[in-house]
């Protein structure tokens, strides 16, 4: 979170973030839980296509879990 929101790094993929893992599970693996090193390796392999903007993809995946739309 610090790297993404404070240092504005564009290519951060927080593989230990529960929100990211849940969103990837819902959108890419039909809700199957992502656990262990193998699951995180699958997410890392999937995220290669998002480079160099993995922080942006992470943010969109986090936002996809919110039930109420945010107005800016």
PDB file of N, CA and C in Angstrom:
ATOM      1  N   UNK A   1       0.833  -1.183   0.000  1.00  0.00           N
ATOM      2  CA  UNK A   1       0.000   0.000   0.000  1.00  0.00           C
ATOM      3  C   UNK A   1       0.882   1.253   0.000  1.00  0.00           C
ATOM      4  N   UNK A   2       1.946   1.236   0.799  1.00  0.00           N
ATOM      5  CA  UNK A   2       2.831   2.396   0.852  1.00  0.00           C
ATOM      6  C   UNK A   2       3.497   2.635  -0.498  1.00  0.00           C
ATOM      7  N   UNK A   3       3.958   1.558  -1.130  1.00  0.00           N
ATOM      8  CA  UNK A   3       4.609   1.698  -2.432  1.00  0.00           C
ATOM      9  C   UNK A   3       3.639   2.213  -3.490  1.00  0.00           C
ATOM     10  N   UNK A   4       2.401   1.748  -3.430  1.00  0.00           N
ATOM     11  CA  UNK A   4       1.418   2.134  -4.444  1.00  0.00           C
ATOM     12  C   UNK A   4       0.911   3.554  -4.224  1.00  0.00           C
ATOM     13  N   UNK A   5       0.467   3.864  -3.010  1.00  0.00           N
ATOM     14  CA  UNK A   5      -0.235   5.128  -2.779  1.00  0.00           C
ATOM     15  C   UNK A   5       0.647   6.281  -2.331  1.00  0.00           C
ATOM     16  N   UNK A   6       1.765   6.015  -1.679  1.00  0.00           N
ATOM     17  CA  UNK A   6       2.624   7.105  -1.230  1.00  0.00           C
ATOM     18  C   UNK A   6       3.815   7.334  -2.162  1.00  0.00           C
ATOM     19  N   UNK A   7       4.450   6.256  -2.589  1.00  0.00           N
ATOM     20  CA  UNK A   7       5.598   6.399  -3.480  1.00  0.00           C
ATOM     21  C   UNK A   7       5.205   6.341  -4.953  1.00  0.00           C
ATOM     22  N   UNK A   8       3.920   6.046  -5.210  1.00  0.00           N
ATOM     23  CA  UNK A   8       3.356   6.037  -6.563  1.00  0.00           C
ATOM     24  C   UNK A   8       4.116   5.129  -7.528  1.00  0.00           C
ATOM     25  N   UNK A   9       4.489   3.972  -7.032  1.00  0.00           N
ATOM     26  CA  UNK A   9       5.166   2.997  -7.890  1.00  0.00           C
ATOM     27  C   UNK A   9       4.139   2.350  -8.809  1.00  0.00           C
ATOM     28  N   UNK A  10       4.362   2.316 -10.109  1.00  0.00           N
ATOM     29  CA  UNK A  10       3.351   1.829 -11.041  1.00  0.00           C
ATOM     30  C   UNK A  10       3.313   0.319 -11.235  1.00  0.00           C
ATOM     31  N   UNK A  11       4.315  -0.407 -10.740  1.00  0.00           N
ATOM     32  CA  UNK A  11       4.413  -1.824 -11.064  1.00  0.00           C
ATOM     33  C   UNK A  11       4.543  -2.695  -9.817  1.00  0.00           C
ATOM     34  N   UNK A  12       3.677  -2.484  -8.841  1.00  0.00           N
ATOM     35  CA  UNK A  12       3.704  -3.253  -7.595  1.00  0.00           C
ATOM     36  C   UNK A  12       2.611  -4.312  -7.639  1.00  0.00           C
ATOM     37  N   UNK A  13       2.980  -5.532  -7.307  1.00  0.00           N
ATOM     38  CA  UNK A  13       2.016  -6.625  -7.231  1.00  0.00           C
ATOM     39  C   UNK A  13       2.103  -7.249  -5.841  1.00  0.00           C
ATOM     40  N   UNK A  14       1.193  -6.884  -4.928  1.00  0.00           N
ATOM     41  CA  UNK A  14       1.249  -7.396  -3.552  1.00  0.00           C
ATOM     42  C   UNK A  14       0.645  -8.803  -3.449  1.00  0.00           C
ATOM     43  N   UNK A  15       1.447  -9.816  -3.669  1.00  0.00           N
ATOM     44  CA  UNK A  15       0.952 -11.193  -3.714  1.00  0.00           C
ATOM     45  C   UNK A  15       0.447 -11.713  -2.370  1.00  0.00           C
ATOM     46  N   UNK A  16       0.753 -11.034  -1.274  1.00  0.00           N
ATOM     47  CA  UNK A  16       0.244 -11.453   0.033  1.00  0.00           C
ATOM     48  C   UNK A  16      -1.001 -10.675   0.457  1.00  0.00           C
ATOM     49  N   UNK A  17      -1.500  -9.816  -0.409  1.00  0.00           N
ATOM     50  CA  UNK A  17      -2.682  -9.021  -0.094  1.00  0.00           C
ATOM     51  C   UNK A  17      -3.944  -9.860  -0.283  1.00  0.00           C
ATOM     52  N   UNK A  18      -4.729  -9.983   0.778  1.00  0.00           N
ATOM     53  CA  UNK A  18      -5.921 -10.829   0.735  1.00  0.00           C
ATOM     54  C   UNK A  18      -6.987 -10.295  -0.225  1.00  0.00           C
ATOM     55  N   UNK A  19      -7.112  -8.984  -0.325  1.00  0.00           N
ATOM     56  CA  UNK A  19      -8.083  -8.405  -1.247  1.00  0.00           C
ATOM     57  C   UNK A  19      -7.734  -8.706  -2.693  1.00  0.00           C
ATOM     58  N   UNK A  20      -6.474  -8.588  -3.022  1.00  0.00           N
ATOM     59  CA  UNK A  20      -6.038  -8.902  -4.384  1.00  0.00           C
ATOM     60  C   UNK A  20      -6.289 -10.367  -4.701  1.00  0.00           C
ATOM     61  N   UNK A  21      -5.922 -11.251  -3.776  1.00  0.00           N
ATOM     62  CA  UNK A  21      -6.114 -12.684  -4.007  1.00  0.00           C
ATOM     63  C   UNK A  21      -7.595 -13.038  -4.150  1.00  0.00           C
ATOM     64  N   UNK A  22      -8.447 -12.392  -3.361  1.00  0.00           N
ATOM     65  CA  UNK A  22      -9.881 -12.656  -3.461  1.00  0.00           C
ATOM     66  C   UNK A  22     -10.440 -12.180  -4.800  1.00  0.00           C
ATOM     67  N   UNK A  23     -10.028 -10.995  -5.235  1.00  0.00           N
ATOM     68  CA  UNK A  23     -10.521 -10.465  -6.507  1.00  0.00           C
ATOM     69  C   UNK A  23     -10.036 -11.310  -7.683  1.00  0.00           C
ATOM     70  N   UNK A  24      -8.785 -11.722  -7.662  1.00  0.00           N
ATOM     71  CA  UNK A  24      -8.272 -12.583  -8.732  1.00  0.00           C
ATOM     72  C   UNK A  24      -9.013 -13.912  -8.725  1.00  0.00           C
ATOM     73  N   UNK A  25      -9.273 -14.431  -7.531  1.00  0.00           N
ATOM     74  CA  UNK A  25     -10.027 -15.677  -7.410  1.00  0.00           C
ATOM     75  C   UNK A  25     -11.400 -15.549  -8.044  1.00  0.00           C
ATOM     76  N   UNK A  26     -12.094 -14.449  -7.773  1.00  0.00           N
ATOM     77  CA  UNK A  26     -13.437 -14.247  -8.303  1.00  0.00           C
ATOM     78  C   UNK A  26     -13.458 -14.024  -9.808  1.00  0.00           C
ATOM     79  N   UNK A  27     -12.519 -13.230 -10.298  1.00  0.00           N
ATOM     80  CA  UNK A  27     -12.562 -12.816 -11.700  1.00  0.00           C
ATOM     81  C   UNK A  27     -11.821 -13.742 -12.660  1.00  0.00           C
ATOM     82  N   UNK A  28     -10.867 -14.504 -12.156  1.00  0.00           N
ATOM     83  CA  UNK A  28     -10.057 -15.329 -13.047  1.00  0.00           C
ATOM     84  C   UNK A  28     -10.146 -16.829 -12.775  1.00  0.00           C
ATOM     85  N   UNK A  29     -10.485 -17.217 -11.547  1.00  0.00           N
ATOM     86  CA  UNK A  29     -10.481 -18.633 -11.189  1.00  0.00           C
ATOM     87  C   UNK A  29     -11.848 -19.116 -10.706  1.00  0.00           C
ATOM     88  N   UNK A  30     -12.914 -18.462 -11.141  1.00  0.00           N
ATOM     89  CA  UNK A  30     -14.292 -18.851 -10.812  1.00  0.00           C
ATOM     90  C   UNK A  30     -14.536 -19.041  -9.321  1.00  0.00           C
ATOM     91  N   UNK A  31     -13.892 -18.228  -8.498  1.00  0.00           N
ATOM     92  CA  UNK A  31     -14.105 -18.266  -7.061  1.00  0.00           C
ATOM     93  C   UNK A  31     -13.312 -19.315  -6.319  1.00  0.00           C
ATOM     94  N   UNK A  32     -12.499 -20.105  -7.015  1.00  0.00           N
ATOM     95  CA  UNK A  32     -11.674 -21.105  -6.335  1.00  0.00           C
ATOM     96  C   UNK A  32     -10.629 -20.384  -5.487  1.00  0.00           C
ATOM     97  N   UNK A  33     -10.453 -20.814  -4.245  1.00  0.00           N
ATOM     98  CA  UNK A  33      -9.511 -20.121  -3.364  1.00  0.00           C
ATOM     99  C   UNK A  33      -8.069 -20.233  -3.864  1.00  0.00           C
ATOM    100  N   UNK A  34      -7.333 -19.164  -3.660  1.00  0.00           N
ATOM    101  CA  UNK A  34      -5.917 -19.130  -4.022  1.00  0.00           C
ATOM    102  C   UNK A  34      -5.130 -19.295  -2.734  1.00  0.00           C
ATOM    103  N   UNK A  35      -4.427 -20.403  -2.615  1.00  0.00           N
ATOM    104  CA  UNK A  35      -3.682 -20.666  -1.392  1.00  0.00           C
ATOM    105  C   UNK A  35      -2.279 -21.153  -1.726  1.00  0.00           C
ATOM    106  N   UNK A  36      -1.387 -20.923  -0.805  1.00  0.00           N
ATOM    107  CA  UNK A  36      -0.038 -21.454  -0.919  1.00  0.00           C
ATOM    108  C   UNK A  36       0.803 -20.799  -1.996  1.00  0.00           C
ATOM    109  N   UNK A  37       2.004 -21.333  -2.121  1.00  0.00           N
ATOM    110  CA  UNK A  37       2.945 -20.800  -3.109  1.00  0.00           C
ATOM    111  C   UNK A  37       2.459 -21.016  -4.532  1.00  0.00           C
ATOM    112  N   UNK A  38       1.831 -22.147  -4.788  1.00  0.00           N
ATOM    113  CA  UNK A  38       1.352 -22.430  -6.140  1.00  0.00           C
ATOM    114  C   UNK A  38       0.296 -21.424  -6.580  1.00  0.00           C
ATOM    115  N   UNK A  39      -0.609 -21.070  -5.675  1.00  0.00           N
ATOM    116  CA  UNK A  39      -1.637 -20.091  -6.006  1.00  0.00           C
ATOM    117  C   UNK A  39      -1.055 -18.725  -6.286  1.00  0.00           C
ATOM    118  N   UNK A  40      -0.102 -18.323  -5.456  1.00  0.00           N
ATOM    119  CA  UNK A  40       0.538 -17.029  -5.674  1.00  0.00           C
ATOM    120  C   UNK A  40       1.373 -17.036  -6.955  1.00  0.00           C
ATOM    121  N   UNK A  41       1.958 -18.169  -7.277  1.00  0.00           N
ATOM    122  CA  UNK A  41       2.712 -18.290  -8.531  1.00  0.00           C
ATOM    123  C   UNK A  41       1.778 -18.160  -9.737  1.00  0.00           C
ATOM    124  N   UNK A  42       0.567 -18.688  -9.614  1.00  0.00           N
ATOM    125  CA  UNK A  42      -0.414 -18.544 -10.691  1.00  0.00           C
ATOM    126  C   UNK A  42      -0.807 -17.082 -10.875  1.00  0.00           C
ATOM    127  N   UNK A  43      -0.991 -16.371  -9.767  1.00  0.00           N
ATOM    128  CA  UNK A  43      -1.339 -14.945  -9.839  1.00  0.00           C
ATOM    129  C   UNK A  43      -0.182 -14.166 -10.452  1.00  0.00           C
ATOM    130  N   UNK A  44       1.040 -14.477 -10.056  1.00  0.00           N
ATOM    131  CA  UNK A  44       2.211 -13.790 -10.613  1.00  0.00           C
ATOM    132  C   UNK A  44       2.316 -14.041 -12.117  1.00  0.00           C
ATOM    133  N   UNK A  45       2.041 -15.267 -12.543  1.00  0.00           N
ATOM    134  CA  UNK A  45       2.086 -15.585 -13.973  1.00  0.00           C
ATOM    135  C   UNK A  45       0.995 -14.836 -14.737  1.00  0.00           C
ATOM    136  N   UNK A  46      -0.180 -14.731 -14.130  1.00  0.00           N
ATOM    137  CA  UNK A  46      -1.283 -13.986 -14.742  1.00  0.00           C
ATOM    138  C   UNK A  46      -0.937 -12.505 -14.860  1.00  0.00           C
ATOM    139  N   UNK A  47      -0.262 -11.972 -13.855  1.00  0.00           N
ATOM    140  CA  UNK A  47       0.034 -10.541 -13.783  1.00  0.00           C
ATOM    141  C   UNK A  47       1.158 -10.110 -14.712  1.00  0.00           C
ATOM    142  N   UNK A  48       1.831 -11.041 -15.353  1.00  0.00           N
ATOM    143  CA  UNK A  48       2.870 -10.661 -16.311  1.00  0.00           C
ATOM    144  C   UNK A  48       2.261  -9.819 -17.431  1.00  0.00           C
ATOM    145  N   UNK A  49       1.042 -10.124 -17.806  1.00  0.00           N
ATOM    146  CA  UNK A  49       0.361  -9.367 -18.871  1.00  0.00           C
ATOM    147  C   UNK A  49       0.029  -7.938 -18.438  1.00  0.00           C
ATOM    148  N   UNK A  50       0.011  -7.669 -17.148  1.00  0.00           N
ATOM    149  CA  UNK A  50      -0.351  -6.344 -16.640  1.00  0.00           C
ATOM    150  C   UNK A  50       0.845  -5.407 -16.544  1.00  0.00           C
ATOM    151  N   UNK A  51       2.050  -5.927 -16.728  1.00  0.00           N
ATOM    152  CA  UNK A  51       3.231  -5.084 -16.591  1.00  0.00           C
ATOM    153  C   UNK A  51       3.264  -4.048 -17.700  1.00  0.00           C
ATOM    154  N   UNK A  52       3.735  -2.861 -17.475  1.00  0.00           N
ATOM    155  CA  UNK A  52       4.327  -2.295 -16.268  1.00  0.00           C
ATOM    156  C   UNK A  52       3.327  -1.564 -15.373  1.00  0.00           C
ATOM    157  N   UNK A  53       2.061  -1.928 -15.453  1.00  0.00           N
ATOM    158  CA  UNK A  53       1.011  -1.224 -14.704  1.00  0.00           C
ATOM    159  C   UNK A  53       0.299  -2.146 -13.718  1.00  0.00           C
ATOM    160  N   UNK A  54       1.024  -2.994 -13.017  1.00  0.00           N
ATOM    161  CA  UNK A  54       0.392  -3.930 -12.086  1.00  0.00           C
ATOM    162  C   UNK A  54      -0.235  -3.229 -10.882  1.00  0.00           C
ATOM    163  N   UNK A  55       0.260  -2.066 -10.510  1.00  0.00           N
ATOM    164  CA  UNK A  55      -0.374  -1.307  -9.420  1.00  0.00           C
ATOM    165  C   UNK A  55      -1.780  -0.872  -9.820  1.00  0.00           C
ATOM    166  N   UNK A  56      -1.937  -0.444 -11.056  1.00  0.00           N
ATOM    167  CA  UNK A  56      -3.241  -0.022 -11.550  1.00  0.00           C
ATOM    168  C   UNK A  56      -4.197  -1.215 -11.600  1.00  0.00           C
ATOM    169  N   UNK A  57      -3.714  -2.343 -12.093  1.00  0.00           N
ATOM    170  CA  UNK A  57      -4.536  -3.553 -12.130  1.00  0.00           C
ATOM    171  C   UNK A  57      -4.934  -3.969 -10.719  1.00  0.00           C
ATOM    172  N   UNK A  58      -4.008  -3.869  -9.779  1.00  0.00           N
ATOM    173  CA  UNK A  58      -4.304  -4.198  -8.378  1.00  0.00           C
ATOM    174  C   UNK A  58      -5.396  -3.291  -7.849  1.00  0.00           C
ATOM    175  N   UNK A  59      -5.299  -1.995  -8.122  1.00  0.00           N
ATOM    176  CA  UNK A  59      -6.297  -1.049  -7.639  1.00  0.00           C
ATOM    177  C   UNK A  59      -7.678  -1.364  -8.223  1.00  0.00           C
ATOM    178  N   UNK A  60      -7.736  -1.649  -9.519  1.00  0.00           N
ATOM    179  CA  UNK A  60      -9.019  -1.995 -10.131  1.00  0.00           C
ATOM    180  C   UNK A  60      -9.581  -3.285  -9.546  1.00  0.00           C
ATOM    181  N   UNK A  61      -8.743  -4.249  -9.276  1.00  0.00           N
ATOM    182  CA  UNK A  61      -9.220  -5.490  -8.663  1.00  0.00           C
ATOM    183  C   UNK A  61      -9.741  -5.235  -7.251  1.00  0.00           C
ATOM    184  N   UNK A  62      -9.050  -4.407  -6.481  1.00  0.00           N
ATOM    185  CA  UNK A  62      -9.560  -4.041  -5.153  1.00  0.00           C
ATOM    186  C   UNK A  62     -10.917  -3.375  -5.269  1.00  0.00           C
ATOM    187  N   UNK A  63     -11.037  -2.432  -6.197  1.00  0.00           N
ATOM    188  CA  UNK A  63     -12.295  -1.696  -6.361  1.00  0.00           C
ATOM    189  C   UNK A  63     -13.428  -2.613  -6.800  1.00  0.00           C
ATOM    190  N   UNK A  64     -13.109  -3.674  -7.513  1.00  0.00           N
ATOM    191  CA  UNK A  64     -14.154  -4.582  -7.983  1.00  0.00           C
ATOM    192  C   UNK A  64     -14.836  -5.314  -6.833  1.00  0.00           C
ATOM    193  N   UNK A  65     -14.232  -5.327  -5.674  1.00  0.00           N
ATOM    194  CA  UNK A  65     -14.822  -6.012  -4.515  1.00  0.00           C
ATOM    195  C   UNK A  65     -15.795  -5.133  -3.744  1.00  0.00           C
ATOM    196  N   UNK A  66     -15.750  -3.806  -3.969  1.00  0.00           N
ATOM    197  CA  UNK A  66     -16.618  -2.891  -3.231  1.00  0.00           C
ATOM    198  C   UNK A  66     -18.035  -2.972  -3.755  1.00  0.00           C
ATOM    199  N   UNK A  67     -19.007  -3.170  -2.859  1.00  0.00           N
ATOM    200  CA  UNK A  67     -20.397  -3.300  -3.305  1.00  0.00           C
ATOM    201  C   UNK A  67     -21.047  -1.976  -3.714  1.00  0.00           C
ATOM    202  N   UNK A  68     -20.533  -0.861  -3.216  1.00  0.00           N
ATOM    203  CA  UNK A  68     -21.137   0.436  -3.505  1.00  0.00           C
ATOM    204  C   UNK A  68     -20.188   1.224  -4.411  1.00  0.00           C
ATOM    205  N   UNK A  69     -20.681   1.742  -5.517  1.00  0.00           N
ATOM    206  CA  UNK A  69     -19.819   2.544  -6.388  1.00  0.00           C
ATOM    207  C   UNK A  69     -19.360   3.822  -5.685  1.00  0.00           C
ATOM    208  N   UNK A  70     -18.145   4.227  -5.965  1.00  0.00           N
ATOM    209  CA  UNK A  70     -17.595   5.434  -5.377  1.00  0.00           C
ATOM    210  C   UNK A  70     -17.778   6.580  -6.351  1.00  0.00           C
ATOM    211  N   UNK A  71     -18.243   7.704  -5.832  1.00  0.00           N
ATOM    212  CA  UNK A  71     -18.391   8.904  -6.657  1.00  0.00           C
ATOM    213  C   UNK A  71     -17.227   9.829  -6.363  1.00  0.00           C
ATOM    214  N   UNK A  72     -16.589  10.311  -7.425  1.00  0.00           N
ATOM    215  CA  UNK A  72     -15.457  11.208  -7.263  1.00  0.00           C
ATOM    216  C   UNK A  72     -15.850  12.618  -7.592  1.00  0.00           C
TER     217      UNK A  72
END
